[in-house]
Structures are given as structure tokens and as C-alpha cells.
Amino acid sequence: MASKNDPPAAQPANTNDDARSELTAQVEDLLNTLSNKFAGVSSEIFAKMDEMSRRLDNLETQLTASKDKSSGSN
């Protein structure tokens, strides 16, 4: 026969385990969300950097062509 003290002692342990499991799940969900947002922002930054690089290359080509054209006419 179980004493009256056994069920209450077992119940807080289960409650603590449930709380830990729930906290762990919430933290994992938060970390996944942050990871996804970071990946999205990173890809946006890289895309903008690629676009800036392309535009700078075009500008450099135009400046070189303009310099060569003005040197040739003198």
C-alpha cells in the first residue's frame, strides 16, 4: 500500500519534467525561427552585395571606355 506522501512527491517531478520539456521545445522553436530569419537576411545581404558589385563593374567599364574615348580624340 502506498503512503499518502508518494503521489505528491512523484507529481512535482512529472510537472518539472513537463515544464522542462515544454521550455526545451519553446527554446528550440525560437532558435529555429531565429536561424531561418538570419538565413533570410544573410541571403538578402549577399544578393545586394552581388548587385552592388555588378553595378560597380559596369561603372568601371563605362569610365574606362570614356577615358579611352577622350584620350583617343586628343
C-alpha atoms as a PDB file:
ATOM      1  CA  MET A   1       0.000   0.000   0.000  1.00  0.00           C
ATOM      2  CA  ALA A   2       1.395   3.408  -0.955  1.00  0.00           C
ATOM      3  CA  SER A   3       1.669   6.158   1.585  1.00  0.00           C
ATOM      4  CA  LYS A   4      -0.053   9.494   1.159  1.00  0.00           C
ATOM      5  CA  ASN A   5       3.311  11.193   0.555  1.00  0.00           C
ATOM      6  CA  ASP A   6       4.253   9.172  -2.554  1.00  0.00           C
ATOM      7  CA  PRO A   7       1.882  10.651  -5.177  1.00  0.00           C
ATOM      8  CA  PRO A   8       2.596  14.321  -4.345  1.00  0.00           C
ATOM      9  CA  ALA A   9       6.342  13.660  -4.451  1.00  0.00           C
ATOM     10  CA  ALA A  10       6.030  11.951  -7.839  1.00  0.00           C
ATOM     11  CA  GLN A  11       3.709  14.602  -9.263  1.00  0.00           C
ATOM     12  CA  PRO A  12       6.120  17.592  -8.878  1.00  0.00           C
ATOM     13  CA  ALA A  13       8.842  15.562 -10.596  1.00  0.00           C
ATOM     14  CA  ASN A  14       6.485  14.934 -13.523  1.00  0.00           C
ATOM     15  CA  THR A  15       5.460  18.584 -13.523  1.00  0.00           C
ATOM     16  CA  ASN A  16       9.117  19.652 -13.565  1.00  0.00           C
ATOM     17  CA  ASP A  17       9.846  17.237 -16.412  1.00  0.00           C
ATOM     18  CA  ASP A  18       6.841  18.539 -18.348  1.00  0.00           C
ATOM     19  CA  ALA A  19       7.912  22.139 -17.730  1.00  0.00           C
ATOM     20  CA  ARG A  20      11.461  21.351 -18.865  1.00  0.00           C
ATOM     21  CA  SER A  21      10.193  19.587 -21.964  1.00  0.00           C
ATOM     22  CA  GLU A  22       7.924  22.499 -22.803  1.00  0.00           C
ATOM     23  CA  LEU A  23      10.715  25.031 -22.213  1.00  0.00           C
ATOM     24  CA  THR A  24      13.103  22.982 -24.341  1.00  0.00           C
ATOM     25  CA  ALA A  25      10.557  22.817 -27.152  1.00  0.00           C
ATOM     26  CA  GLN A  26       9.946  26.567 -26.970  1.00  0.00           C
ATOM     27  CA  VAL A  27      13.684  27.344 -26.993  1.00  0.00           C
ATOM     28  CA  GLU A  28      14.257  25.015 -29.952  1.00  0.00           C
ATOM     29  CA  ASP A  29      11.383  26.651 -31.816  1.00  0.00           C
ATOM     30  CA  LEU A  30      12.796  30.105 -31.078  1.00  0.00           C
ATOM     31  CA  LEU A  31      16.266  29.068 -32.228  1.00  0.00           C
ATOM     32  CA  ASN A  32      14.852  27.605 -35.443  1.00  0.00           C
ATOM     33  CA  THR A  33      12.906  30.792 -36.103  1.00  0.00           C
ATOM     34  CA  LEU A  34      15.963  32.962 -35.475  1.00  0.00           C
ATOM     35  CA  SER A  35      18.099  30.712 -37.652  1.00  0.00           C
ATOM     36  CA  ASN A  36      15.608  30.973 -40.513  1.00  0.00           C
ATOM     37  CA  LYS A  37      15.413  34.754 -40.176  1.00  0.00           C
ATOM     38  CA  PHE A  38      19.203  35.015 -40.081  1.00  0.00           C
ATOM     39  CA  ALA A  39      19.494  32.861 -43.205  1.00  0.00           C
ATOM     40  CA  GLY A  40      16.958  35.077 -44.981  1.00  0.00           C
ATOM     41  CA  VAL A  41      18.705  38.295 -44.005  1.00  0.00           C
ATOM     42  CA  SER A  42      22.087  36.847 -44.955  1.00  0.00           C
ATOM     43  CA  SER A  43      20.875  35.866 -48.406  1.00  0.00           C
ATOM     44  CA  GLU A  44      19.350  39.336 -48.901  1.00  0.00           C
ATOM     45  CA  ILE A  45      22.636  40.985 -47.901  1.00  0.00           C
ATOM     46  CA  PHE A  46      24.630  38.754 -50.264  1.00  0.00           C
ATOM     47  CA  ALA A  47      22.198  39.480 -53.100  1.00  0.00           C
ATOM     48  CA  LYS A  48      22.559  43.234 -52.533  1.00  0.00           C
ATOM     49  CA  MET A  49      26.343  42.927 -52.379  1.00  0.00           C
ATOM     50  CA  ASP A  50      26.331  40.995 -55.668  1.00  0.00           C
ATOM     51  CA  GLU A  51      24.157  43.689 -57.242  1.00  0.00           C
ATOM     52  CA  MET A  52      26.492  46.436 -55.969  1.00  0.00           C
ATOM     53  CA  SER A  53      29.487  44.552 -57.341  1.00  0.00           C
ATOM     54  CA  ARG A  54      27.821  44.213 -60.736  1.00  0.00           C
ATOM     55  CA  ARG A  55      26.944  47.900 -60.815  1.00  0.00           C
ATOM     56  CA  LEU A  56      30.496  48.900 -59.821  1.00  0.00           C
ATOM     57  CA  ASP A  57      31.911  46.672 -62.556  1.00  0.00           C
ATOM     58  CA  ASN A  58      29.602  48.348 -65.084  1.00  0.00           C
ATOM     59  CA  LEU A  59      30.614  51.796 -63.842  1.00  0.00           C
ATOM     60  CA  GLU A  60      34.294  50.896 -64.071  1.00  0.00           C
ATOM     61  CA  THR A  61      33.794  49.649 -67.644  1.00  0.00           C
ATOM     62  CA  GLN A  62      31.986  52.853 -68.612  1.00  0.00           C
ATOM     63  CA  LEU A  63      34.670  55.042 -67.031  1.00  0.00           C
ATOM     64  CA  THR A  64      37.425  53.118 -68.784  1.00  0.00           C
ATOM     65  CA  ALA A  65      35.609  53.388 -72.105  1.00  0.00           C
ATOM     66  CA  SER A  66      35.029  57.102 -71.580  1.00  0.00           C
ATOM     67  CA  LYS A  67      38.681  57.656 -70.663  1.00  0.00           C
ATOM     68  CA  ASP A  68      39.866  55.716 -73.719  1.00  0.00           C
ATOM     69  CA  LYS A  69      37.460  57.638 -75.962  1.00  0.00           C
ATOM     70  CA  SER A  70      38.604  61.031 -74.672  1.00  0.00           C
ATOM     71  CA  SER A  71      42.301  60.003 -74.916  1.00  0.00           C
ATOM     72  CA  GLY A  72      41.827  58.890 -78.491  1.00  0.00           C
ATOM     73  CA  SER A  73      40.196  62.126 -79.574  1.00  0.00           C
ATOM     74  CA  ASN A  74      43.061  64.299 -78.258  1.00  0.00           C
END
